[in-house]
C-alpha atoms as a PDB file:
ATOM      1  CA  MET A   1     -13.838 -21.121   9.911  1.00  0.00           C
ATOM      2  CA  ALA A   2     -16.552 -20.923   6.931  1.00  0.00           C
ATOM      3  CA  ASP A   3     -16.204 -22.439   3.787  1.00  0.00           C
ATOM      4  CA  ARG A   4     -14.863 -20.194   0.951  1.00  0.00           C
ATOM      5  CA  HIS A   5     -16.244 -20.734  -2.684  1.00  0.00           C
ATOM      6  CA  GLU A   6     -14.749 -20.343  -5.958  1.00  0.00           C
ATOM      7  CA  ILE A   7     -16.219 -17.373  -7.893  1.00  0.00           C
ATOM      8  CA  LYS A   8     -14.837 -17.062 -11.898  1.00  0.00           C
ATOM      9  CA  GLU A   9     -10.968 -17.097 -11.068  1.00  0.00           C
ATOM     10  CA  TYR A  10     -10.655 -15.642  -7.625  1.00  0.00           C
ATOM     11  CA  THR A  11     -11.676 -17.110  -4.347  1.00  0.00           C
ATOM     12  CA  SER A  12     -14.070 -15.226  -1.881  1.00  0.00           C
ATOM     13  CA  ASP A  13     -15.178 -16.215   1.677  1.00  0.00           C
ATOM     14  CA  PRO A  14     -19.200 -16.168   1.820  1.00  0.00           C
ATOM     15  CA  THR A  15     -19.121 -13.230   3.943  1.00  0.00           C
ATOM     16  CA  ALA A  16     -17.391 -11.245   1.440  1.00  0.00           C
ATOM     17  CA  VAL A  17     -19.268  -8.699  -0.650  1.00  0.00           C
ATOM     18  CA  ILE A  18     -18.092  -7.996  -4.309  1.00  0.00           C
ATOM     19  CA  ASP A  19     -20.516  -5.779  -6.249  1.00  0.00           C
ATOM     20  CA  GLU A  20     -21.136  -6.206  -9.548  1.00  0.00           C
ATOM     21  CA  GLY A  21     -18.654  -4.523 -11.950  1.00  0.00           C
ATOM     22  CA  CYS A  22     -15.566  -5.321  -9.999  1.00  0.00           C
ATOM     23  CA  GLN A  23     -12.258  -6.582 -11.607  1.00  0.00           C
ATOM     24  CA  VAL A  24     -10.736  -8.981  -9.353  1.00  0.00           C
ATOM     25  CA  GLY A  25      -7.592 -10.973 -11.307  1.00  0.00           C
ATOM     26  CA  ARG A  26      -6.804 -14.228 -11.157  1.00  0.00           C
ATOM     27  CA  GLY A  27      -5.736 -15.904  -7.791  1.00  0.00           C
ATOM     28  CA  THR A  28      -6.806 -13.216  -5.617  1.00  0.00           C
ATOM     29  CA  ARG A  29      -8.096 -14.394  -2.418  1.00  0.00           C
ATOM     30  CA  VAL A  30     -11.142 -12.120  -0.559  1.00  0.00           C
ATOM     31  CA  TRP A  31     -11.764 -12.697   3.027  1.00  0.00           C
ATOM     32  CA  HIS A  32     -14.170 -12.329   5.709  1.00  0.00           C
ATOM     33  CA  PHE A  33     -16.579  -9.296   5.415  1.00  0.00           C
ATOM     34  CA  THR A  34     -14.882  -7.642   3.127  1.00  0.00           C
ATOM     35  CA  HIS A  35     -16.632  -5.344   0.682  1.00  0.00           C
ATOM     36  CA  LEU A  36     -15.370  -4.223  -3.049  1.00  0.00           C
ATOM     37  CA  VAL A  37     -17.413  -1.915  -4.702  1.00  0.00           C
ATOM     38  CA  SER A  38     -18.223  -1.695  -7.836  1.00  0.00           C
ATOM     39  CA  GLY A  39     -15.851  -0.315 -10.711  1.00  0.00           C
ATOM     40  CA  CYS A  40     -12.683  -1.169  -8.452  1.00  0.00           C
ATOM     41  CA  ARG A  41      -9.748  -2.925  -9.893  1.00  0.00           C
ATOM     42  CA  VAL A  42      -7.705  -5.489  -8.028  1.00  0.00           C
ATOM     43  CA  GLY A  43      -4.932  -7.221  -9.906  1.00  0.00           C
ATOM     44  CA  ASN A  44      -3.507 -11.027  -9.836  1.00  0.00           C
ATOM     45  CA  ASP A  45      -2.382 -13.194  -6.904  1.00  0.00           C
ATOM     46  CA  CYS A  46      -3.697 -10.571  -4.126  1.00  0.00           C
ATOM     47  CA  SER A  47      -4.825 -11.359  -0.307  1.00  0.00           C
ATOM     48  CA  ILE A  48      -7.675  -9.106   1.139  1.00  0.00           C
ATOM     49  CA  GLY A  49      -7.909  -9.298   4.439  1.00  0.00           C
ATOM     50  CA  GLN A  50     -10.815  -9.451   6.943  1.00  0.00           C
ATOM     51  CA  ASN A  51     -13.015  -6.488   7.201  1.00  0.00           C
ATOM     52  CA  VAL A  52     -11.520  -4.703   4.317  1.00  0.00           C
ATOM     53  CA  VAL A  53     -13.183  -1.825   1.917  1.00  0.00           C
ATOM     54  CA  ILE A  54     -12.101  -1.206  -1.273  1.00  0.00           C
ATOM     55  CA  MET A  55     -13.993   1.671  -3.256  1.00  0.00           C
ATOM     56  CA  GLY A  56     -15.193   2.110  -6.418  1.00  0.00           C
ATOM     57  CA  LYS A  57     -12.402   3.855  -8.154  1.00  0.00           C
ATOM     58  CA  VAL A  58      -9.396   2.689  -6.209  1.00  0.00           C
ATOM     59  CA  VAL A  59      -6.940   0.413  -8.481  1.00  0.00           C
ATOM     60  CA  VAL A  60      -4.893  -2.147  -6.454  1.00  0.00           C
ATOM     61  CA  GLY A  61      -1.796  -3.745  -8.797  1.00  0.00           C
ATOM     62  CA  ASN A  62      -0.798  -7.452  -8.742  1.00  0.00           C
ATOM     63  CA  GLY A  63       0.633  -9.368  -6.107  1.00  0.00           C
ATOM     64  CA  VAL A  64      -0.225  -6.964  -3.231  1.00  0.00           C
ATOM     65  CA  ARG A  65      -1.029  -7.713   0.504  1.00  0.00           C
ATOM     66  CA  ILE A  66      -3.932  -5.736   2.419  1.00  0.00           C
ATOM     67  CA  GLN A  67      -4.027  -7.080   5.881  1.00  0.00           C
ATOM     68  CA  ASN A  68      -7.429  -6.804   8.204  1.00  0.00           C
ATOM     69  CA  ASN A  69      -9.558  -3.596   8.718  1.00  0.00           C
ATOM     70  CA  VAL A  70      -8.250  -1.161   5.826  1.00  0.00           C
ATOM     71  CA  SER A  71     -10.114   1.178   3.864  1.00  0.00           C
ATOM     72  CA  LEU A  72      -8.982   2.199   0.283  1.00  0.00           C
ATOM     73  CA  TYR A  73     -10.947   5.347  -0.564  1.00  0.00           C
ATOM     74  CA  ASP A  74     -11.550   6.441  -4.077  1.00  0.00           C
ATOM     75  CA  GLY A  75      -8.030   8.517  -5.049  1.00  0.00           C
ATOM     76  CA  VAL A  76      -6.010   5.605  -3.772  1.00  0.00           C
ATOM     77  CA  ILE A  77      -3.935   3.663  -6.531  1.00  0.00           C
ATOM     78  CA  VAL A  78      -1.836   0.969  -5.174  1.00  0.00           C
ATOM     79  CA  GLU A  79       1.067  -0.247  -7.371  1.00  0.00           C
ATOM     80  CA  ASP A  80       2.416  -4.454  -7.508  1.00  0.00           C
ATOM     81  CA  ASP A  81       3.794  -6.216  -4.473  1.00  0.00           C
ATOM     82  CA  VAL A  82       2.480  -3.566  -1.849  1.00  0.00           C
ATOM     83  CA  PHE A  83       2.385  -4.909   1.560  1.00  0.00           C
ATOM     84  CA  ILE A  84      -0.364  -2.888   3.690  1.00  0.00           C
ATOM     85  CA  GLY A  85      -0.736  -3.775   7.258  1.00  0.00           C
ATOM     86  CA  PRO A  86      -3.191  -4.160   9.755  1.00  0.00           C
ATOM     87  CA  SER A  87      -5.633  -1.024  10.376  1.00  0.00           C
ATOM     88  CA  ALA A  88      -3.589   0.959   8.034  1.00  0.00           C
ATOM     89  CA  VAL A  89      -5.302   4.158   7.197  1.00  0.00           C
ATOM     90  CA  PHE A  90      -5.651   6.235   3.939  1.00  0.00           C
ATOM     91  CA  THR A  91      -7.817   9.848   3.305  1.00  0.00           C
ATOM     92  CA  ASN A  92      -8.868  11.396   0.288  1.00  0.00           C
ATOM     93  CA  VAL A  93      -9.772  14.797   1.401  1.00  0.00           C
ATOM     94  CA  PHE A  94      -7.629  17.045   3.435  1.00  0.00           C
ATOM     95  CA  ASN A  95     -10.291  19.004   5.535  1.00  0.00           C
ATOM     96  CA  PRO A  96     -13.457  17.099   5.955  1.00  0.00           C
ATOM     97  CA  ARG A  97     -16.451  18.208   7.046  1.00  0.00           C
ATOM     98  CA  ALA A  98     -19.710  16.257   7.552  1.00  0.00           C
ATOM     99  CA  PHE A  99     -21.948  19.347   6.253  1.00  0.00           C
ATOM    100  CA  VAL A 100     -19.756  20.070   3.285  1.00  0.00           C
ATOM    101  CA  SER A 101     -19.664  17.648   0.246  1.00  0.00           C
ATOM    102  CA  ARG A 102     -15.626  17.634  -0.895  1.00  0.00           C
ATOM    103  CA  LYS A 103     -16.024  14.661  -3.337  1.00  0.00           C
ATOM    104  CA  HIS A 104     -14.716  17.151  -6.228  1.00  0.00           C
ATOM    105  CA  GLU A 105     -11.498  17.830  -3.582  1.00  0.00           C
ATOM    106  CA  TYR A 106     -10.464  14.088  -3.538  1.00  0.00           C
ATOM    107  CA  ARG A 107      -6.323  14.070  -3.375  1.00  0.00           C
ATOM    108  CA  PRO A 108      -4.936  11.219  -4.859  1.00  0.00           C
ATOM    109  CA  THR A 109      -2.463   8.844  -3.058  1.00  0.00           C
ATOM    110  CA  ILE A 110      -0.157   6.738  -4.970  1.00  0.00           C
ATOM    111  CA  ILE A 111       1.714   3.713  -3.221  1.00  0.00           C
ATOM    112  CA  ARG A 112       4.499   2.815  -5.689  1.00  0.00           C
ATOM    113  CA  GLN A 113       5.306  -0.685  -6.495  1.00  0.00           C
ATOM    114  CA  GLY A 114       6.997  -3.241  -3.267  1.00  0.00           C
ATOM    115  CA  ALA A 115       6.391  -0.190  -0.892  1.00  0.00           C
ATOM    116  CA  SER A 116       5.100  -1.549   2.726  1.00  0.00           C
ATOM    117  CA  ILE A 117       2.971   0.090   4.859  1.00  0.00           C
ATOM    118  CA  GLY A 118       3.390  -0.944   8.814  1.00  0.00           C
ATOM    119  CA  ALA A 119       0.399  -1.483  10.943  1.00  0.00           C
ATOM    120  CA  ASN A 120      -2.299   1.521  12.128  1.00  0.00           C
ATOM    121  CA  ALA A 121       0.171   3.767   9.925  1.00  0.00           C
ATOM    122  CA  THR A 122      -1.750   6.900   8.326  1.00  0.00           C
ATOM    123  CA  ILE A 123      -0.909   8.305   5.221  1.00  0.00           C
ATOM    124  CA  VAL A 124      -2.654  11.788   4.547  1.00  0.00           C
ATOM    125  CA  CYS A 125      -4.236  11.966   1.273  1.00  0.00           C
ATOM    126  CA  GLY A 126      -2.209  13.734  -1.524  1.00  0.00           C
ATOM    127  CA  HIS A 127       1.024  12.206  -0.982  1.00  0.00           C
ATOM    128  CA  GLU A 128       3.060   9.421  -2.455  1.00  0.00           C
ATOM    129  CA  VAL A 129       4.923   6.690  -1.254  1.00  0.00           C
ATOM    130  CA  GLY A 130       7.878   5.468  -3.536  1.00  0.00           C
ATOM    131  CA  ARG A 131       8.915   2.176  -4.910  1.00  0.00           C
ATOM    132  CA  TYR A 132      10.273  -0.119  -2.174  1.00  0.00           C
ATOM    133  CA  ALA A 133       9.848   2.533   0.869  1.00  0.00           C
ATOM    134  CA  LEU A 134       9.039   1.111   4.246  1.00  0.00           C
ATOM    135  CA  ILE A 135       6.561   3.161   6.500  1.00  0.00           C
ATOM    136  CA  GLY A 136       6.872   1.868  10.335  1.00  0.00           C
ATOM    137  CA  ALA A 137       3.614   1.186  12.351  1.00  0.00           C
ATOM    138  CA  GLY A 138       2.016   4.038  13.705  1.00  0.00           C
ATOM    139  CA  CYS A 139       3.611   6.489  11.494  1.00  0.00           C
ATOM    140  CA  VAL A 140       1.511   9.636  10.222  1.00  0.00           C
ATOM    141  CA  VAL A 141       2.834  10.234   6.780  1.00  0.00           C
ATOM    142  CA  THR A 142       2.176  14.047   5.920  1.00  0.00           C
ATOM    143  CA  HIS A 143       4.691  14.440   2.623  1.00  0.00           C
ATOM    144  CA  ASP A 144       6.125  12.482  -0.101  1.00  0.00           C
ATOM    145  CA  VAL A 145       8.389   9.496   0.772  1.00  0.00           C
ATOM    146  CA  PRO A 146      11.250   8.686  -1.653  1.00  0.00           C
ATOM    147  CA  PRO A 147      11.948   5.130  -2.960  1.00  0.00           C
ATOM    148  CA  PHE A 148      13.890   2.887  -0.649  1.00  0.00           C
ATOM    149  CA  ALA A 149      13.237   5.552   2.290  1.00  0.00           C
ATOM    150  CA  LEU A 150      12.755   4.248   5.784  1.00  0.00           C
ATOM    151  CA  ILE A 151      10.098   6.145   7.739  1.00  0.00           C
ATOM    152  CA  MET A 152       9.438   6.079  11.237  1.00  0.00           C
ATOM    153  CA  GLY A 153       7.579   8.218  14.278  1.00  0.00           C
ATOM    154  CA  ASN A 154       4.939  10.242  14.277  1.00  0.00           C
ATOM    155  CA  PRO A 155       5.195  12.704  12.994  1.00  0.00           C
ATOM    156  CA  ALA A 156       6.623  10.603  10.288  1.00  0.00           C
ATOM    157  CA  ARG A 157      10.550  11.298   9.212  1.00  0.00           C
ATOM    158  CA  GLN A 158      13.132   9.476   7.606  1.00  0.00           C
ATOM    159  CA  THR A 159      15.579   7.505   9.051  1.00  0.00           C
ATOM    160  CA  GLY A 160      17.488   5.652   6.773  1.00  0.00           C
ATOM    161  CA  TRP A 161      17.073   3.424   3.514  1.00  0.00           C
ATOM    162  CA  VAL A 162      16.182  -0.046   2.672  1.00  0.00           C
ATOM    163  CA  SER A 163      16.817  -2.674   0.478  1.00  0.00           C
ATOM    164  CA  ARG A 164      14.014  -3.869  -1.662  1.00  0.00           C
ATOM    165  CA  MET A 165      13.955  -6.989   0.529  1.00  0.00           C
ATOM    166  CA  GLY A 166      13.604  -4.700   3.279  1.00  0.00           C
ATOM    167  CA  HIS A 167      16.757  -4.559   5.096  1.00  0.00           C
ATOM    168  CA  LYS A 168      18.452  -1.121   6.289  1.00  0.00           C
ATOM    169  CA  LEU A 169      21.471  -0.258   4.295  1.00  0.00           C
ATOM    170  CA  VAL A 170      24.433   0.847   5.512  1.00  0.00           C
ATOM    171  CA  PHE A 171      26.324   3.173   2.984  1.00  0.00           C
ATOM    172  CA  ASP A 172      30.291   3.245   3.075  1.00  0.00           C
ATOM    173  CA  GLU A 173      31.963   6.585   2.405  1.00  0.00           C
ATOM    174  CA  SER A 174      31.670   6.323  -1.244  1.00  0.00           C
ATOM    175  CA  GLY A 175      27.704   6.131  -0.769  1.00  0.00           C
ATOM    176  CA  ARG A 176      27.513   2.216  -1.811  1.00  0.00           C
ATOM    177  CA  ALA A 177      25.520  -0.128   0.134  1.00  0.00           C
ATOM    178  CA  THR A 178      25.103  -4.243  -0.361  1.00  0.00           C
ATOM    179  CA  CYS A 179      21.723  -5.426   0.566  1.00  0.00           C
ATOM    180  CA  PRO A 180      22.949  -8.850   3.078  1.00  0.00           C
ATOM    181  CA  GLN A 181      20.000 -10.820   1.680  1.00  0.00           C
ATOM    182  CA  THR A 182      20.445 -10.568  -2.537  1.00  0.00           C
ATOM    183  CA  GLY A 183      23.959  -8.960  -2.680  1.00  0.00           C
ATOM    184  CA  GLU A 184      22.377  -5.946  -4.578  1.00  0.00           C
ATOM    185  CA  GLU A 185      24.203  -2.876  -4.695  1.00  0.00           C
ATOM    186  CA  TYR A 186      22.896   0.265  -3.935  1.00  0.00           C
ATOM    187  CA  ILE A 187      24.039   3.646  -4.952  1.00  0.00           C
ATOM    188  CA  LEU A 188      23.256   6.716  -2.642  1.00  0.00           C
ATOM    189  CA  THR A 189      23.566  10.268  -4.590  1.00  0.00           C
ATOM    190  CA  ASP A 190      22.006  13.672  -3.723  1.00  0.00           C
ATOM    191  CA  ASN A 191      18.679  12.503  -5.602  1.00  0.00           C
ATOM    192  CA  GLY A 192      18.180   9.666  -3.135  1.00  0.00           C
ATOM    193  CA  VAL A 193      19.116   5.839  -3.896  1.00  0.00           C
ATOM    194  CA  ASN A 194      18.896   3.685  -6.796  1.00  0.00           C
ATOM    195  CA  ILE A 195      19.903  -0.174  -7.406  1.00  0.00           C
ATOM    196  CA  LYS A 196      23.478  -0.525  -9.240  1.00  0.00           C
ATOM    197  CA  GLN A 197      22.816  -1.397 -12.921  1.00  0.00           C
END
């Protein structure tokens, strides 16, 4: 394993390329063969895996875990505490052609706080993945995903609801469920799931 060295307040493997003009937060670790392009913003306490590319207009929040072989293109916003599994795919143009420049047509993709994206999942551009949603491995997401939703399959479809800790929620007749790990109570309404205040 190659030695890592300290750069500013984050840690970077010597094989990583971090362009001048990147903002990388305190405690973040950048692993082998990763490229952070000038202008990108990466928060505190993140782990950026091997062979990751983060383009210049991408924003990554605090506490994010990006696993190996992920490319985040301009237009992607990743909020705090998001997990992105190995080889997950993000796009930014809906109808790409090699011979047509569509940089002015980038569609934003927003991954909200605490969401998890499974290995090899594809998030088609122009959509939002809600807070604490859980996207299963290999899903192809072509629509917005509500907060706390459990998404499976290809094409992706909702199969249930999960807690902040990622446990499947089982609702009683009154629309209430409890996370088995934390004891937090959840309420199911026509508008989706919320944590009981």
